[in-house]
């Protein structure tokens, strides 16, 4: 079960950085251990875009049949293999919910990778390089 998060906008922005950080670590570890091939990794990066944060919306839309023209695209096929290697082969989306599909994905990511506020606090030094920003985030976390 995904953690219940405060809905304060600044907290949620920090939480998304924490998610992106963990996604990139999981991806890098899977490539390093050869769970993901170099070719699939490159195609995935091109399809999803991993410059600052992964844009999973295109994969979600294609996976849910909303971008049928991509179903045979090698980038999409590689992304499917990568997402399977990362544990998302059985991801479920509730199409009767008003919750955006991307939000549903990230909540399942949180649960699968057991993200927690304690983990966020542990990773704070990596996530915030600037001491002033770190102090602001620490103050934010103390509120919650």
Protein backbone atom coordinates (compact mmCIF):
# COMPACT_ATOMS: atom_id res chain seq x y z
CA UNK A 1 0.00 0.00 0.00
CA UNK A 2 1.29 3.44 -0.93
CA UNK A 3 2.02 5.81 1.92
CA UNK A 4 -0.57 8.44 2.80
CA UNK A 5 1.10 11.69 1.85
CA UNK A 6 0.41 15.23 2.96
CA UNK A 7 -1.21 17.14 0.10
CA UNK A 8 0.76 20.32 0.72
CA UNK A 9 2.11 21.42 -2.72
CA UNK A 10 5.72 22.00 -1.62
CA UNK A 11 5.85 18.60 0.05
CA UNK A 12 4.44 16.91 -3.06
CA UNK A 13 7.08 18.61 -5.25
CA UNK A 14 9.86 17.29 -2.99
CA UNK A 15 8.19 13.86 -2.95
CA UNK A 16 8.18 13.76 -6.76
CA UNK A 17 11.92 14.51 -6.79
CA UNK A 18 12.35 11.61 -4.36
CA UNK A 19 10.32 9.36 -6.68
CA UNK A 20 12.35 10.40 -9.73
CA UNK A 21 15.58 9.77 -7.82
CA UNK A 22 14.45 6.26 -6.85
CA UNK A 23 13.21 5.53 -10.36
CA UNK A 24 16.59 6.49 -11.80
CA UNK A 25 18.41 4.36 -9.20
CA UNK A 26 16.20 1.34 -9.95
CA UNK A 27 16.75 1.82 -13.69
CA UNK A 28 20.53 2.20 -13.32
CA UNK A 29 20.73 -0.88 -11.07
CA UNK A 30 18.73 -2.96 -13.55
CA UNK A 31 21.03 -1.90 -16.39
CA UNK A 32 24.13 -2.59 -14.28
CA UNK A 33 22.92 -6.09 -13.37
CA UNK A 34 21.92 -6.79 -17.01
CA UNK A 35 18.22 -7.12 -16.20
CA UNK A 36 17.87 -4.43 -18.86
CA UNK A 37 19.99 -4.59 -22.01
CA UNK A 38 22.00 -1.58 -23.14
CA UNK A 39 19.89 -1.44 -26.32
CA UNK A 40 16.62 -1.45 -24.36
CA UNK A 41 18.02 1.14 -21.96
CA UNK A 42 18.89 3.48 -24.83
CA UNK A 43 15.52 3.00 -26.55
CA UNK A 44 13.72 3.50 -23.22
CA UNK A 45 15.59 6.74 -22.52
CA UNK A 46 14.70 8.02 -25.95
CA UNK A 47 11.03 7.00 -25.66
CA UNK A 48 10.43 8.13 -22.06
CA UNK A 49 12.96 10.91 -21.83
CA UNK A 50 15.21 10.68 -18.79
CA UNK A 51 16.85 14.12 -18.87
CA UNK A 52 15.45 15.36 -15.56
CA UNK A 53 12.54 13.09 -14.76
CA UNK A 54 10.90 10.19 -16.56
CA UNK A 55 7.82 11.13 -18.58
CA UNK A 56 5.76 8.00 -18.08
CA UNK A 57 2.61 9.47 -19.63
CA UNK A 58 3.49 8.39 -23.17
CA UNK A 59 4.08 4.81 -21.98
CA UNK A 60 0.84 4.85 -19.96
CA UNK A 61 -1.18 6.14 -22.92
CA UNK A 62 0.38 3.63 -25.32
CA UNK A 63 0.01 0.77 -22.83
CA UNK A 64 -3.68 1.61 -22.43
CA UNK A 65 -4.29 1.61 -26.19
CA UNK A 66 -4.71 5.36 -26.50
CA UNK A 67 -1.73 5.67 -28.86
CA UNK A 68 -2.25 2.60 -31.04
CA UNK A 69 0.22 3.84 -33.63
CA UNK A 70 3.00 3.17 -31.07
CA UNK A 71 2.14 -0.47 -30.29
CA UNK A 72 4.76 -1.76 -32.75
CA UNK A 73 7.24 1.05 -32.13
CA UNK A 74 10.62 -0.31 -30.95
CA UNK A 75 10.89 2.43 -28.32
CA UNK A 76 7.54 1.39 -26.86
CA UNK A 77 8.46 -2.31 -27.03
CA UNK A 78 11.78 -1.61 -25.27
CA UNK A 79 9.94 0.46 -22.67
CA UNK A 80 7.57 -2.44 -22.04
CA UNK A 81 10.58 -4.72 -21.41
CA UNK A 82 12.21 -2.12 -19.13
CA UNK A 83 9.02 -1.55 -17.15
CA UNK A 84 8.63 -5.33 -16.75
CA UNK A 85 12.20 -5.55 -15.45
CA UNK A 86 11.39 -2.74 -12.99
CA UNK A 87 8.34 -4.64 -11.72
CA UNK A 88 5.53 -2.92 -13.60
CA UNK A 89 4.37 -5.83 -15.74
CA UNK A 90 1.18 -6.15 -13.65
CA UNK A 91 0.42 -2.48 -13.10
CA UNK A 92 -3.29 -1.72 -12.95
CA UNK A 93 -5.03 1.49 -13.92
CA UNK A 94 -8.54 2.35 -12.79
CA UNK A 95 -10.22 3.95 -15.79
CA UNK A 96 -13.38 4.66 -13.76
CA UNK A 97 -11.48 6.94 -11.39
CA UNK A 98 -11.00 10.65 -11.86
CA UNK A 99 -7.43 10.24 -10.62
CA UNK A 100 -5.01 10.81 -13.51
CA UNK A 101 -3.31 7.66 -14.77
CA UNK A 102 0.14 9.12 -14.10
CA UNK A 103 -0.80 9.70 -10.44
CA UNK A 104 -2.02 6.10 -10.26
CA UNK A 105 1.32 4.95 -11.68
CA UNK A 106 3.36 6.91 -9.14
CA UNK A 107 1.26 5.64 -6.22
CA UNK A 108 1.93 2.08 -7.35
CA UNK A 109 5.61 2.99 -7.74
CA UNK A 110 5.65 4.26 -4.14
CA UNK A 111 4.21 0.97 -2.90
CA UNK A 112 6.39 -1.28 -5.07
CA UNK A 113 9.61 0.49 -4.07
CA UNK A 114 8.43 1.06 -0.49
CA UNK A 115 9.03 4.80 -0.53
CA UNK A 116 8.53 6.49 2.81
CA UNK A 117 9.00 9.83 4.50
CA UNK A 118 11.83 8.23 6.49
CA UNK A 119 13.53 7.25 3.22
CA UNK A 120 13.04 10.75 1.90
CA UNK A 121 14.76 12.15 4.98
CA UNK A 122 17.65 9.69 4.52
CA UNK A 123 18.10 10.74 0.88
CA UNK A 124 17.81 14.46 1.56
CA UNK A 125 21.54 15.11 1.23
CA UNK A 126 21.50 13.63 -2.27
CA UNK A 127 18.28 15.37 -3.31
CA UNK A 128 19.17 18.85 -2.07
CA UNK A 129 22.72 20.02 -2.65
CA UNK A 130 22.21 23.61 -1.52
CA UNK A 131 22.27 23.88 2.32
CA UNK A 132 19.57 26.57 2.29
CA UNK A 133 17.25 24.40 0.24
CA UNK A 134 18.01 21.43 2.48
CA UNK A 135 17.10 23.46 5.57
CA UNK A 136 13.84 24.57 3.95
CA UNK A 137 12.95 20.98 3.02
CA UNK A 138 13.85 19.74 6.51
CA UNK A 139 11.56 22.38 8.01
CA UNK A 140 8.82 21.28 5.63
CA UNK A 141 9.27 17.64 6.61
CA UNK A 142 9.16 18.47 10.32
CA UNK A 143 5.66 19.88 9.81
CA UNK A 144 4.50 16.52 8.54
